[in-house]
N, C-alpha and C. Protein backbone atom coordinates (compact mmCIF):
# COMPACT_ATOMS: atom_id res chain seq x y z
N MET A 1 -6.81 25.01 -46.27
CA MET A 1 -6.30 23.81 -45.58
C MET A 1 -6.79 23.75 -44.14
N ILE A 2 -6.76 24.91 -43.46
CA ILE A 2 -7.23 24.97 -42.08
C ILE A 2 -8.69 24.56 -42.00
N LYS A 3 -9.49 25.03 -42.99
CA LYS A 3 -10.92 24.71 -43.01
C LYS A 3 -11.14 23.21 -43.16
N ILE A 4 -10.33 22.57 -44.04
CA ILE A 4 -10.46 21.12 -44.27
C ILE A 4 -10.16 20.35 -42.99
N TRP A 5 -9.08 20.76 -42.28
CA TRP A 5 -8.72 20.08 -41.03
C TRP A 5 -9.80 20.26 -39.97
N SER A 6 -10.42 21.41 -39.94
CA SER A 6 -11.48 21.68 -38.96
C SER A 6 -12.66 20.77 -39.20
N ILE A 7 -13.02 20.60 -40.49
CA ILE A 7 -14.16 19.72 -40.83
C ILE A 7 -13.84 18.28 -40.45
N ALA A 8 -12.59 17.84 -40.72
CA ALA A 8 -12.19 16.46 -40.40
C ALA A 8 -12.24 16.18 -38.91
N LEU A 9 -11.76 17.12 -38.13
CA LEU A 9 -11.78 16.96 -36.68
C LEU A 9 -13.19 16.94 -36.15
N ALA A 10 -14.07 17.73 -36.73
CA ALA A 10 -15.47 17.77 -36.31
C ALA A 10 -16.15 16.43 -36.57
N VAL A 11 -15.87 15.85 -37.74
CA VAL A 11 -16.45 14.54 -38.09
C VAL A 11 -15.95 13.47 -37.15
N LEU A 12 -14.63 13.49 -36.86
CA LEU A 12 -14.03 12.50 -35.97
C LEU A 12 -14.63 12.59 -34.57
N ALA A 13 -14.83 13.81 -34.10
CA ALA A 13 -15.42 14.00 -32.77
C ALA A 13 -16.84 13.48 -32.73
N ALA A 14 -17.59 13.72 -33.80
CA ALA A 14 -18.98 13.26 -33.84
C ALA A 14 -19.06 11.76 -33.79
N VAL A 15 -18.15 11.09 -34.53
CA VAL A 15 -18.13 9.62 -34.54
C VAL A 15 -17.79 9.09 -33.16
N THR A 16 -16.80 9.73 -32.51
CA THR A 16 -16.36 9.27 -31.19
C THR A 16 -17.47 9.37 -30.17
N PHE A 17 -18.20 10.47 -30.17
CA PHE A 17 -19.21 10.68 -29.14
C PHE A 17 -20.52 9.97 -29.42
N THR A 18 -20.66 9.40 -30.63
CA THR A 18 -21.90 8.67 -30.91
C THR A 18 -21.76 7.20 -30.57
N VAL A 19 -20.55 6.73 -30.19
CA VAL A 19 -20.38 5.34 -29.75
C VAL A 19 -21.03 5.18 -28.39
N PRO A 20 -21.96 4.25 -28.24
CA PRO A 20 -22.65 4.07 -26.96
C PRO A 20 -21.66 3.79 -25.84
N ALA A 21 -21.96 4.27 -24.64
CA ALA A 21 -21.08 4.05 -23.48
C ALA A 21 -20.93 2.59 -23.18
N SER A 22 -22.01 1.82 -23.39
CA SER A 22 -21.94 0.38 -23.09
C SER A 22 -20.95 -0.31 -24.00
N ALA A 23 -20.88 0.15 -25.26
CA ALA A 23 -19.95 -0.48 -26.20
C ALA A 23 -18.52 -0.16 -25.82
N GLN A 24 -18.27 1.10 -25.36
CA GLN A 24 -16.93 1.45 -24.94
C GLN A 24 -16.50 0.64 -23.72
N ASN A 25 -17.39 0.47 -22.77
CA ASN A 25 -17.07 -0.26 -21.55
C ASN A 25 -16.78 -1.72 -21.82
N SER A 26 -17.43 -2.27 -22.87
CA SER A 26 -17.27 -3.69 -23.14
C SER A 26 -15.83 -4.05 -23.47
N TYR A 27 -15.07 -3.05 -23.94
CA TYR A 27 -13.69 -3.32 -24.30
C TYR A 27 -12.74 -3.15 -23.12
N SER A 28 -13.12 -2.33 -22.15
CA SER A 28 -12.22 -2.01 -21.06
C SER A 28 -12.52 -2.76 -19.76
N GLU A 29 -13.74 -3.22 -19.58
CA GLU A 29 -14.12 -3.84 -18.31
C GLU A 29 -13.71 -5.30 -18.29
N PRO A 30 -12.99 -5.75 -17.25
CA PRO A 30 -12.54 -7.15 -17.17
C PRO A 30 -13.72 -8.12 -17.12
N ARG A 31 -13.49 -9.31 -17.64
CA ARG A 31 -14.52 -10.35 -17.65
C ARG A 31 -13.93 -11.65 -17.12
N ALA A 32 -14.78 -12.49 -16.57
CA ALA A 32 -14.34 -13.76 -15.99
C ALA A 32 -13.83 -14.69 -17.08
N VAL A 33 -12.72 -15.35 -16.80
CA VAL A 33 -12.13 -16.30 -17.75
C VAL A 33 -11.97 -17.66 -17.08
N LYS A 34 -11.83 -18.69 -17.88
CA LYS A 34 -11.63 -20.03 -17.33
C LYS A 34 -10.31 -20.08 -16.57
N GLY A 35 -10.36 -20.62 -15.37
CA GLY A 35 -9.19 -20.69 -14.52
C GLY A 35 -8.92 -19.41 -13.76
N GLY A 36 -9.71 -18.37 -14.02
CA GLY A 36 -9.53 -17.11 -13.32
C GLY A 36 -10.17 -17.13 -11.95
N ALA A 37 -9.94 -16.07 -11.20
CA ALA A 37 -10.45 -15.98 -9.83
C ALA A 37 -11.63 -15.03 -9.75
N VAL A 38 -12.64 -15.43 -8.99
CA VAL A 38 -13.80 -14.58 -8.72
C VAL A 38 -13.92 -14.47 -7.19
N THR A 39 -13.65 -13.30 -6.67
CA THR A 39 -13.75 -13.08 -5.23
C THR A 39 -15.13 -12.52 -4.91
N VAL A 40 -15.86 -13.22 -4.05
CA VAL A 40 -17.25 -12.87 -3.74
C VAL A 40 -17.36 -12.45 -2.28
N ALA A 41 -18.03 -11.33 -2.05
CA ALA A 41 -18.30 -10.85 -0.69
C ALA A 41 -19.77 -10.47 -0.59
N LEU A 42 -20.48 -11.16 0.30
CA LEU A 42 -21.90 -10.87 0.54
C LEU A 42 -22.08 -10.15 1.86
N LYS A 43 -22.89 -9.14 1.85
CA LYS A 43 -23.26 -8.42 3.06
C LYS A 43 -24.76 -8.51 3.24
N ASN A 44 -25.22 -8.12 4.42
CA ASN A 44 -26.64 -8.20 4.76
C ASN A 44 -27.13 -9.65 4.75
N ILE A 45 -26.25 -10.56 5.20
CA ILE A 45 -26.61 -11.96 5.37
C ILE A 45 -26.25 -12.34 6.81
N PRO A 46 -26.77 -13.48 7.31
CA PRO A 46 -26.43 -13.89 8.67
C PRO A 46 -24.92 -13.96 8.87
N SER A 47 -24.44 -13.45 9.99
CA SER A 47 -23.00 -13.39 10.25
C SER A 47 -22.36 -14.77 10.23
N GLU A 48 -23.11 -15.80 10.67
CA GLU A 48 -22.53 -17.14 10.70
C GLU A 48 -22.31 -17.71 9.30
N ASP A 49 -22.93 -17.12 8.28
CA ASP A 49 -22.76 -17.60 6.91
C ASP A 49 -21.61 -16.91 6.19
N SER A 50 -21.15 -15.80 6.72
CA SER A 50 -20.15 -15.00 6.01
C SER A 50 -18.87 -15.79 5.75
N ALA A 51 -18.39 -16.53 6.75
CA ALA A 51 -17.14 -17.27 6.59
C ALA A 51 -17.27 -18.37 5.56
N THR A 52 -18.48 -18.89 5.37
CA THR A 52 -18.70 -19.98 4.42
C THR A 52 -18.87 -19.46 3.00
N VAL A 53 -19.62 -18.37 2.85
CA VAL A 53 -19.97 -17.87 1.52
C VAL A 53 -18.87 -16.99 0.93
N ASN A 54 -18.36 -16.08 1.73
CA ASN A 54 -17.40 -15.11 1.21
C ASN A 54 -16.03 -15.74 0.98
N GLY A 55 -15.47 -15.48 -0.17
CA GLY A 55 -14.16 -16.04 -0.47
C GLY A 55 -13.83 -15.97 -1.94
N ARG A 56 -12.77 -16.64 -2.29
CA ARG A 56 -12.26 -16.63 -3.66
C ARG A 56 -12.60 -17.94 -4.34
N TYR A 57 -13.19 -17.86 -5.52
CA TYR A 57 -13.61 -19.04 -6.25
C TYR A 57 -12.90 -19.08 -7.61
N THR A 58 -12.57 -20.28 -8.06
CA THR A 58 -11.90 -20.45 -9.33
C THR A 58 -12.91 -20.87 -10.40
N VAL A 59 -12.87 -20.18 -11.54
CA VAL A 59 -13.78 -20.48 -12.64
C VAL A 59 -13.38 -21.82 -13.25
N ASN A 60 -14.32 -22.75 -13.28
CA ASN A 60 -14.07 -24.08 -13.81
C ASN A 60 -13.60 -24.02 -15.26
N ARG A 61 -12.52 -24.72 -15.56
CA ARG A 61 -11.96 -24.68 -16.91
C ARG A 61 -12.82 -25.43 -17.92
N GLY A 62 -13.71 -26.29 -17.43
CA GLY A 62 -14.57 -27.03 -18.35
C GLY A 62 -15.79 -26.26 -18.80
N ASP A 63 -16.61 -25.82 -17.83
CA ASP A 63 -17.88 -25.19 -18.19
C ASP A 63 -17.98 -23.70 -17.81
N GLY A 64 -16.90 -23.14 -17.26
CA GLY A 64 -16.92 -21.71 -16.96
C GLY A 64 -17.82 -21.32 -15.82
N THR A 65 -17.94 -22.19 -14.82
CA THR A 65 -18.84 -21.94 -13.70
C THR A 65 -18.07 -21.89 -12.38
N ILE A 66 -18.76 -21.41 -11.34
CA ILE A 66 -18.26 -21.51 -9.97
C ILE A 66 -19.36 -22.15 -9.14
N THR A 67 -18.98 -22.76 -8.03
CA THR A 67 -19.94 -23.40 -7.14
C THR A 67 -20.02 -22.59 -5.86
N LEU A 68 -21.18 -22.02 -5.58
CA LEU A 68 -21.37 -21.19 -4.40
C LEU A 68 -22.13 -21.95 -3.33
N PRO A 69 -21.74 -21.80 -2.06
CA PRO A 69 -22.41 -22.51 -0.97
C PRO A 69 -23.90 -22.22 -0.93
N TYR A 70 -24.67 -23.26 -0.60
CA TYR A 70 -26.12 -23.22 -0.38
C TYR A 70 -26.94 -23.13 -1.66
N LEU A 71 -26.33 -22.80 -2.80
CA LEU A 71 -27.09 -22.71 -4.05
C LEU A 71 -27.18 -24.08 -4.70
N SER A 72 -28.35 -24.40 -5.25
CA SER A 72 -28.49 -25.62 -6.02
C SER A 72 -28.07 -25.31 -7.45
N GLY A 73 -27.18 -26.12 -7.99
CA GLY A 73 -26.67 -25.86 -9.32
C GLY A 73 -25.46 -24.95 -9.28
N ARG A 74 -24.79 -24.85 -10.42
CA ARG A 74 -23.58 -24.04 -10.53
C ARG A 74 -23.90 -22.69 -11.15
N THR A 75 -23.05 -21.72 -10.93
CA THR A 75 -23.26 -20.36 -11.42
C THR A 75 -22.34 -20.10 -12.60
N HIS A 76 -22.92 -19.85 -13.78
CA HIS A 76 -22.13 -19.65 -14.99
C HIS A 76 -21.66 -18.20 -15.05
N VAL A 77 -20.34 -18.00 -14.97
CA VAL A 77 -19.78 -16.64 -14.92
C VAL A 77 -18.87 -16.32 -16.10
N LEU A 78 -18.54 -17.29 -16.92
CA LEU A 78 -17.60 -17.09 -18.01
C LEU A 78 -18.04 -15.95 -18.92
N GLY A 79 -17.13 -15.00 -19.16
CA GLY A 79 -17.42 -13.89 -20.07
C GLY A 79 -18.19 -12.75 -19.45
N LYS A 80 -18.57 -12.88 -18.19
CA LYS A 80 -19.36 -11.84 -17.53
C LYS A 80 -18.46 -10.87 -16.76
N THR A 81 -18.92 -9.63 -16.66
CA THR A 81 -18.21 -8.62 -15.88
C THR A 81 -18.53 -8.81 -14.40
N ALA A 82 -17.78 -8.11 -13.56
CA ALA A 82 -18.03 -8.19 -12.12
C ALA A 82 -19.45 -7.75 -11.80
N ARG A 83 -19.93 -6.70 -12.46
CA ARG A 83 -21.29 -6.21 -12.21
C ARG A 83 -22.34 -7.23 -12.66
N ASP A 84 -22.07 -7.90 -13.78
CA ASP A 84 -22.98 -8.95 -14.25
C ASP A 84 -23.08 -10.07 -13.22
N ILE A 85 -21.91 -10.47 -12.72
CA ILE A 85 -21.87 -11.58 -11.76
C ILE A 85 -22.53 -11.19 -10.45
N GLU A 86 -22.34 -9.97 -10.01
CA GLU A 86 -23.00 -9.49 -8.79
C GLU A 86 -24.51 -9.62 -8.90
N ALA A 87 -25.06 -9.16 -10.04
CA ALA A 87 -26.51 -9.23 -10.25
C ALA A 87 -26.98 -10.68 -10.32
N LEU A 88 -26.18 -11.54 -10.98
CA LEU A 88 -26.55 -12.95 -11.13
C LEU A 88 -26.58 -13.66 -9.79
N ILE A 89 -25.52 -13.47 -8.99
CA ILE A 89 -25.44 -14.14 -7.68
C ILE A 89 -26.59 -13.67 -6.79
N ARG A 90 -26.84 -12.39 -6.78
CA ARG A 90 -27.92 -11.86 -5.95
C ARG A 90 -29.26 -12.48 -6.35
N SER A 91 -29.52 -12.54 -7.65
CA SER A 91 -30.80 -13.08 -8.12
C SER A 91 -30.95 -14.55 -7.75
N GLN A 92 -29.85 -15.31 -7.79
CA GLN A 92 -29.91 -16.73 -7.46
C GLN A 92 -30.22 -16.94 -5.98
N TYR A 93 -29.53 -16.21 -5.11
CA TYR A 93 -29.77 -16.38 -3.68
C TYR A 93 -31.19 -15.93 -3.30
N VAL A 94 -31.69 -14.90 -3.97
CA VAL A 94 -33.05 -14.43 -3.68
C VAL A 94 -34.08 -15.40 -4.24
N ALA A 95 -33.88 -15.86 -5.49
CA ALA A 95 -34.83 -16.76 -6.14
C ALA A 95 -34.96 -18.08 -5.39
N GLN A 96 -33.85 -18.56 -4.83
CA GLN A 96 -33.89 -19.83 -4.09
C GLN A 96 -34.23 -19.62 -2.61
N LYS A 97 -34.59 -18.38 -2.28
CA LYS A 97 -35.07 -18.01 -0.94
C LYS A 97 -34.06 -18.34 0.15
N ILE A 98 -32.79 -18.15 -0.17
CA ILE A 98 -31.73 -18.37 0.80
C ILE A 98 -31.47 -17.08 1.58
N TYR A 99 -31.38 -15.96 0.84
CA TYR A 99 -31.25 -14.65 1.47
C TYR A 99 -32.29 -13.70 0.88
N ARG A 100 -32.79 -12.81 1.70
CA ARG A 100 -33.86 -11.92 1.25
C ARG A 100 -33.32 -10.74 0.45
N ASP A 101 -32.29 -10.09 0.93
CA ASP A 101 -31.80 -8.88 0.26
C ASP A 101 -30.29 -8.76 0.40
N PRO A 102 -29.53 -9.70 -0.20
CA PRO A 102 -28.07 -9.66 -0.05
C PRO A 102 -27.44 -8.55 -0.87
N ILE A 103 -26.36 -8.01 -0.36
CA ILE A 103 -25.55 -7.05 -1.10
C ILE A 103 -24.31 -7.79 -1.56
N VAL A 104 -24.11 -7.85 -2.87
CA VAL A 104 -23.05 -8.67 -3.44
C VAL A 104 -21.95 -7.80 -4.04
N GLN A 105 -20.71 -8.11 -3.70
CA GLN A 105 -19.56 -7.44 -4.29
C GLN A 105 -18.64 -8.49 -4.89
N VAL A 106 -18.25 -8.28 -6.13
CA VAL A 106 -17.41 -9.25 -6.85
C VAL A 106 -16.17 -8.55 -7.40
N THR A 107 -15.04 -9.23 -7.26
CA THR A 107 -13.78 -8.77 -7.83
C THR A 107 -13.21 -9.88 -8.70
N LEU A 108 -12.79 -9.53 -9.91
CA LEU A 108 -12.24 -10.53 -10.82
C LEU A 108 -10.72 -10.50 -10.76
N GLY A 109 -10.12 -11.70 -10.83
CA GLY A 109 -8.67 -11.81 -10.80
C GLY A 109 -8.17 -12.51 -12.04
N VAL A 110 -6.87 -12.71 -12.11
CA VAL A 110 -6.23 -13.34 -13.26
C VAL A 110 -6.20 -14.85 -13.06
N ASP A 111 -5.73 -15.53 -14.08
CA ASP A 111 -5.60 -16.98 -14.03
C ASP A 111 -4.72 -17.37 -12.85
N ASN A 112 -5.28 -18.19 -11.96
CA ASN A 112 -4.52 -18.59 -10.77
C ASN A 112 -4.34 -20.09 -10.68
N SER A 113 -4.18 -20.73 -11.85
CA SER A 113 -4.06 -22.19 -11.86
C SER A 113 -2.84 -22.68 -11.12
N GLN A 114 -1.71 -21.95 -11.23
CA GLN A 114 -0.51 -22.38 -10.53
C GLN A 114 -0.70 -22.26 -9.03
N GLU A 115 -1.36 -21.19 -8.60
CA GLU A 115 -1.63 -21.03 -7.17
C GLU A 115 -2.57 -22.13 -6.69
N LEU A 116 -3.54 -22.49 -7.53
CA LEU A 116 -4.52 -23.51 -7.17
C LEU A 116 -3.83 -24.85 -6.93
N GLU A 117 -2.81 -25.13 -7.77
CA GLU A 117 -2.12 -26.40 -7.63
C GLU A 117 -1.40 -26.52 -6.30
N ARG A 118 -1.09 -25.38 -5.69
CA ARG A 118 -0.37 -25.40 -4.42
C ARG A 118 -1.31 -25.44 -3.22
N ARG A 119 -2.62 -25.48 -3.45
CA ARG A 119 -3.58 -25.49 -2.36
C ARG A 119 -3.92 -26.91 -1.96
N PHE A 120 -4.27 -27.06 -0.69
CA PHE A 120 -4.52 -28.39 -0.16
C PHE A 120 -5.77 -28.41 0.71
N VAL A 121 -6.29 -29.61 0.90
CA VAL A 121 -7.31 -29.90 1.90
C VAL A 121 -6.66 -30.85 2.90
N GLN A 122 -6.64 -30.46 4.16
CA GLN A 122 -5.99 -31.27 5.19
C GLN A 122 -6.98 -32.22 5.82
N VAL A 123 -6.62 -33.50 5.90
CA VAL A 123 -7.46 -34.52 6.52
C VAL A 123 -6.69 -35.12 7.69
N THR A 124 -7.29 -35.06 8.87
CA THR A 124 -6.61 -35.54 10.06
C THR A 124 -7.60 -36.28 10.97
N GLY A 125 -7.09 -36.81 12.06
CA GLY A 125 -7.96 -37.53 12.99
C GLY A 125 -7.96 -39.02 12.74
N TYR A 126 -9.09 -39.65 13.05
CA TYR A 126 -9.21 -41.11 12.97
C TYR A 126 -9.63 -41.53 11.56
N VAL A 127 -8.64 -41.50 10.66
CA VAL A 127 -8.83 -41.95 9.28
C VAL A 127 -7.74 -42.96 8.96
N GLY A 128 -7.88 -43.60 7.80
CA GLY A 128 -6.89 -44.60 7.42
C GLY A 128 -5.49 -44.04 7.35
N GLY A 129 -5.36 -42.83 6.81
CA GLY A 129 -4.05 -42.17 6.73
C GLY A 129 -4.21 -40.67 6.62
N LYS A 130 -3.60 -39.94 7.52
CA LYS A 130 -3.69 -38.48 7.50
C LYS A 130 -2.92 -37.94 6.29
N LYS A 131 -3.54 -36.98 5.59
CA LYS A 131 -2.91 -36.46 4.38
C LYS A 131 -3.24 -34.98 4.17
N ASN A 132 -2.38 -34.32 3.41
CA ASN A 132 -2.69 -33.01 2.82
C ASN A 132 -3.00 -33.28 1.35
N LEU A 133 -4.28 -33.27 1.01
CA LEU A 133 -4.70 -33.61 -0.35
C LEU A 133 -4.63 -32.39 -1.26
N PRO A 134 -4.00 -32.50 -2.42
CA PRO A 134 -4.05 -31.38 -3.38
C PRO A 134 -5.51 -31.09 -3.73
N TYR A 135 -5.88 -29.83 -3.64
CA TYR A 135 -7.27 -29.45 -3.91
C TYR A 135 -7.58 -29.62 -5.39
N ARG A 136 -8.78 -30.14 -5.67
CA ARG A 136 -9.27 -30.22 -7.03
C ARG A 136 -10.70 -29.69 -7.07
N GLU A 137 -11.05 -29.05 -8.16
CA GLU A 137 -12.35 -28.42 -8.30
C GLU A 137 -13.48 -29.43 -8.08
N GLY A 138 -14.42 -29.08 -7.19
CA GLY A 138 -15.59 -29.91 -6.95
C GLY A 138 -15.38 -31.05 -5.97
N MET A 139 -14.22 -31.12 -5.33
CA MET A 139 -13.94 -32.19 -4.37
C MET A 139 -14.99 -32.19 -3.25
N THR A 140 -15.50 -33.36 -2.90
CA THR A 140 -16.51 -33.48 -1.85
C THR A 140 -15.91 -34.10 -0.59
N LEU A 141 -16.69 -34.02 0.48
CA LEU A 141 -16.23 -34.56 1.76
C LEU A 141 -15.94 -36.05 1.67
N ILE A 142 -16.85 -36.82 1.08
CA ILE A 142 -16.66 -38.27 1.03
C ILE A 142 -15.47 -38.63 0.15
N GLU A 143 -15.22 -37.86 -0.91
CA GLU A 143 -14.08 -38.14 -1.78
C GLU A 143 -12.77 -37.93 -1.02
N ALA A 144 -12.71 -36.86 -0.24
CA ALA A 144 -11.50 -36.59 0.54
C ALA A 144 -11.26 -37.68 1.57
N LEU A 145 -12.33 -38.12 2.24
CA LEU A 145 -12.19 -39.16 3.25
C LEU A 145 -11.74 -40.49 2.63
N LEU A 146 -12.33 -40.84 1.48
CA LEU A 146 -11.95 -42.08 0.82
C LEU A 146 -10.51 -42.01 0.32
N ASP A 147 -10.07 -40.82 -0.10
CA ASP A 147 -8.68 -40.65 -0.53
C ASP A 147 -7.71 -40.91 0.62
N CYS A 148 -8.21 -40.80 1.85
CA CYS A 148 -7.38 -41.01 3.03
C CYS A 148 -7.69 -42.33 3.72
N GLY A 149 -8.31 -43.23 3.01
CA GLY A 149 -8.57 -44.55 3.56
C GLY A 149 -9.85 -44.65 4.37
N ASP A 150 -10.71 -43.62 4.28
CA ASP A 150 -12.00 -43.60 4.98
C ASP A 150 -11.82 -43.45 6.49
N ILE A 151 -12.93 -43.24 7.21
CA ILE A 151 -12.85 -43.13 8.66
C ILE A 151 -12.54 -44.52 9.24
N SER A 152 -11.81 -44.55 10.32
CA SER A 152 -11.43 -45.82 10.93
C SER A 152 -12.55 -46.32 11.85
N ASP A 153 -12.36 -47.51 12.39
CA ASP A 153 -13.34 -48.07 13.31
C ASP A 153 -13.49 -47.22 14.57
N TYR A 154 -12.46 -46.45 14.85
CA TYR A 154 -12.49 -45.62 16.06
C TYR A 154 -12.95 -44.19 15.76
N GLY A 155 -13.23 -43.91 14.50
CA GLY A 155 -13.61 -42.56 14.11
C GLY A 155 -15.09 -42.28 14.34
N SER A 156 -15.41 -41.06 14.73
CA SER A 156 -16.80 -40.65 14.94
C SER A 156 -17.50 -40.42 13.60
N ARG A 157 -18.80 -40.62 13.60
CA ARG A 157 -19.59 -40.36 12.40
C ARG A 157 -19.75 -38.85 12.16
N TYR A 158 -19.52 -38.06 13.18
CA TYR A 158 -19.70 -36.61 13.08
C TYR A 158 -18.36 -35.95 12.74
N VAL A 159 -18.19 -35.72 11.46
CA VAL A 159 -16.93 -35.20 10.92
C VAL A 159 -16.93 -33.68 11.01
N GLN A 160 -15.79 -33.11 11.37
CA GLN A 160 -15.66 -31.66 11.51
C GLN A 160 -14.93 -31.07 10.31
N ILE A 161 -15.47 -29.97 9.79
CA ILE A 161 -14.79 -29.22 8.73
C ILE A 161 -14.54 -27.80 9.25
N THR A 162 -13.28 -27.40 9.27
CA THR A 162 -12.93 -26.04 9.69
C THR A 162 -12.57 -25.23 8.45
N ARG A 163 -13.28 -24.12 8.27
CA ARG A 163 -13.07 -23.25 7.11
C ARG A 163 -12.97 -21.82 7.59
N ARG A 164 -11.81 -21.22 7.37
CA ARG A 164 -11.55 -19.84 7.79
C ARG A 164 -11.86 -19.62 9.26
N GLY A 165 -11.43 -20.59 10.07
CA GLY A 165 -11.57 -20.46 11.52
C GLY A 165 -12.91 -20.88 12.08
N VAL A 166 -13.86 -21.25 11.23
CA VAL A 166 -15.19 -21.67 11.69
C VAL A 166 -15.33 -23.18 11.50
N THR A 167 -15.69 -23.90 12.56
CA THR A 167 -15.82 -25.36 12.51
C THR A 167 -17.28 -25.77 12.54
N ARG A 168 -17.65 -26.66 11.62
CA ARG A 168 -19.01 -27.19 11.57
C ARG A 168 -18.96 -28.71 11.50
N LYS A 169 -20.02 -29.35 12.01
CA LYS A 169 -20.08 -30.81 12.03
C LYS A 169 -20.99 -31.32 10.91
N TYR A 170 -20.58 -32.45 10.34
CA TYR A 170 -21.35 -33.09 9.29
C TYR A 170 -21.45 -34.59 9.58
N ASP A 171 -22.58 -35.17 9.24
CA ASP A 171 -22.83 -36.58 9.53
C ASP A 171 -22.32 -37.44 8.38
N TYR A 172 -21.38 -38.32 8.68
CA TYR A 172 -20.81 -39.21 7.68
C TYR A 172 -21.88 -40.08 7.02
N PHE A 173 -22.93 -40.39 7.76
CA PHE A 173 -23.96 -41.28 7.24
C PHE A 173 -25.13 -40.53 6.61
N SER A 174 -24.95 -39.25 6.33
CA SER A 174 -25.95 -38.46 5.61
C SER A 174 -25.46 -38.24 4.18
N ALA A 175 -26.26 -38.66 3.19
CA ALA A 175 -25.87 -38.48 1.79
C ALA A 175 -25.67 -37.01 1.45
N LYS A 176 -26.48 -36.16 2.04
CA LYS A 176 -26.37 -34.72 1.79
C LYS A 176 -25.04 -34.18 2.32
N ASP A 177 -24.68 -34.60 3.54
CA ASP A 177 -23.43 -34.12 4.13
C ASP A 177 -22.21 -34.69 3.41
N ARG A 178 -22.31 -35.90 2.94
CA ARG A 178 -21.19 -36.50 2.20
C ARG A 178 -20.86 -35.69 0.94
N ALA A 179 -21.89 -35.08 0.36
CA ALA A 179 -21.72 -34.35 -0.90
C ALA A 179 -21.29 -32.90 -0.71
N ILE A 180 -21.01 -32.49 0.54
CA ILE A 180 -20.56 -31.13 0.79
C ILE A 180 -19.31 -30.85 -0.05
N VAL A 181 -19.32 -29.73 -0.77
CA VAL A 181 -18.18 -29.36 -1.61
C VAL A 181 -17.12 -28.68 -0.76
N LEU A 182 -15.88 -29.11 -0.93
CA LEU A 182 -14.76 -28.56 -0.16
C LEU A 182 -14.10 -27.40 -0.90
N TYR A 183 -13.33 -26.63 -0.13
CA TYR A 183 -12.62 -25.48 -0.69
C TYR A 183 -11.17 -25.52 -0.23
N PRO A 184 -10.27 -24.89 -1.01
CA PRO A 184 -8.85 -24.88 -0.61
C PRO A 184 -8.67 -24.35 0.81
N GLY A 185 -7.85 -25.03 1.58
CA GLY A 185 -7.60 -24.61 2.95
C GLY A 185 -8.50 -25.26 3.98
N ASP A 186 -9.52 -26.02 3.55
CA ASP A 186 -10.39 -26.71 4.50
C ASP A 186 -9.60 -27.72 5.31
N ILE A 187 -9.97 -27.86 6.57
CA ILE A 187 -9.36 -28.86 7.44
C ILE A 187 -10.45 -29.83 7.89
N ILE A 188 -10.30 -31.08 7.53
CA ILE A 188 -11.26 -32.12 7.91
C ILE A 188 -10.68 -32.90 9.08
N ASN A 189 -11.46 -32.99 10.14
CA ASN A 189 -11.01 -33.75 11.31
C ASN A 189 -12.06 -34.77 11.70
N VAL A 190 -11.62 -36.03 11.85
CA VAL A 190 -12.52 -37.09 12.32
C VAL A 190 -12.17 -37.36 13.77
N PRO A 191 -13.02 -36.90 14.72
CA PRO A 191 -12.71 -37.12 16.13
C PRO A 191 -12.88 -38.59 16.52
N LYS A 192 -12.43 -38.91 17.73
CA LYS A 192 -12.59 -40.27 18.24
C LYS A 192 -14.05 -40.53 18.57
N ARG A 193 -14.51 -41.73 18.23
CA ARG A 193 -15.91 -42.08 18.44
C ARG A 193 -16.18 -42.38 19.91
N PRO A 194 -17.16 -41.67 20.51
CA PRO A 194 -17.53 -41.98 21.89
C PRO A 194 -18.11 -43.39 21.99
N LEU A 195 -17.98 -44.01 23.15
CA LEU A 195 -18.49 -45.37 23.33
C LEU A 195 -20.01 -45.41 23.13
N SER A 196 -20.68 -44.32 23.41
CA SER A 196 -22.14 -44.28 23.30
C SER A 196 -22.63 -44.04 21.88
N GLU A 197 -21.72 -43.75 20.95
CA GLU A 197 -22.14 -43.42 19.58
C GLU A 197 -22.27 -44.67 18.73
N GLY A 198 -23.46 -44.89 18.19
CA GLY A 198 -23.68 -46.03 17.33
C GLY A 198 -23.52 -45.66 15.87
N ARG A 199 -23.59 -46.67 15.01
CA ARG A 199 -23.47 -46.45 13.58
C ARG A 199 -24.62 -47.13 12.87
N PRO A 200 -25.32 -46.40 11.99
CA PRO A 200 -26.42 -47.01 11.24
C PRO A 200 -25.89 -48.04 10.23
N SER A 201 -26.76 -48.89 9.76
CA SER A 201 -26.34 -49.93 8.83
C SER A 201 -26.24 -49.42 7.40
N SER A 202 -26.82 -48.25 7.12
CA SER A 202 -26.78 -47.72 5.76
C SER A 202 -26.78 -46.19 5.79
N VAL A 203 -26.48 -45.61 4.63
CA VAL A 203 -26.45 -44.15 4.50
C VAL A 203 -27.87 -43.62 4.30
N GLY A 204 -28.22 -42.57 5.05
CA GLY A 204 -29.54 -41.97 4.92
C GLY A 204 -29.52 -40.74 4.05
N PRO A 205 -30.65 -40.01 4.01
CA PRO A 205 -30.74 -38.80 3.17
C PRO A 205 -29.76 -37.75 3.62
């Protein structure tokens, strides 16, 4: 009987140790899910970009993607591990010649849809009506402004967006700037228009 048990244990051990490490990890390593959180931290990039790029992103419930600043197109992360996403983000920033050698760190979180519903984009200044807009995935600057009645006649064309303590200016009459994607916690301020500031008759590039 002892001999039979010894043979059985030996066979079981052999089976266990012949399972590839990658297969074992696939069951234990967390993967990005729709509505989940992906926290991204880039190093070895310009310091002025850190506040814009680094942060927490929510995986889109429709297509399983996140939208990262400066990248053209969305980044598909659904089903990927943190290491997979790190390699993907790095390759995208390098391929699009945005950063030469970024160091990417990614942390995956749980479904944060309820937390997301409590997030807002604040719009203030010379607009039709100041509001705290509930954040929605993919919200752009022009959408937020229109939701607040657009800039008023006294509002400047140079709209300010403050994100994590850093304020940048965007031109209301630039199609590119209008399409800037907002993030939870952004503060949009439309300052008063100086008397010397004119307004073009149409929206430019």
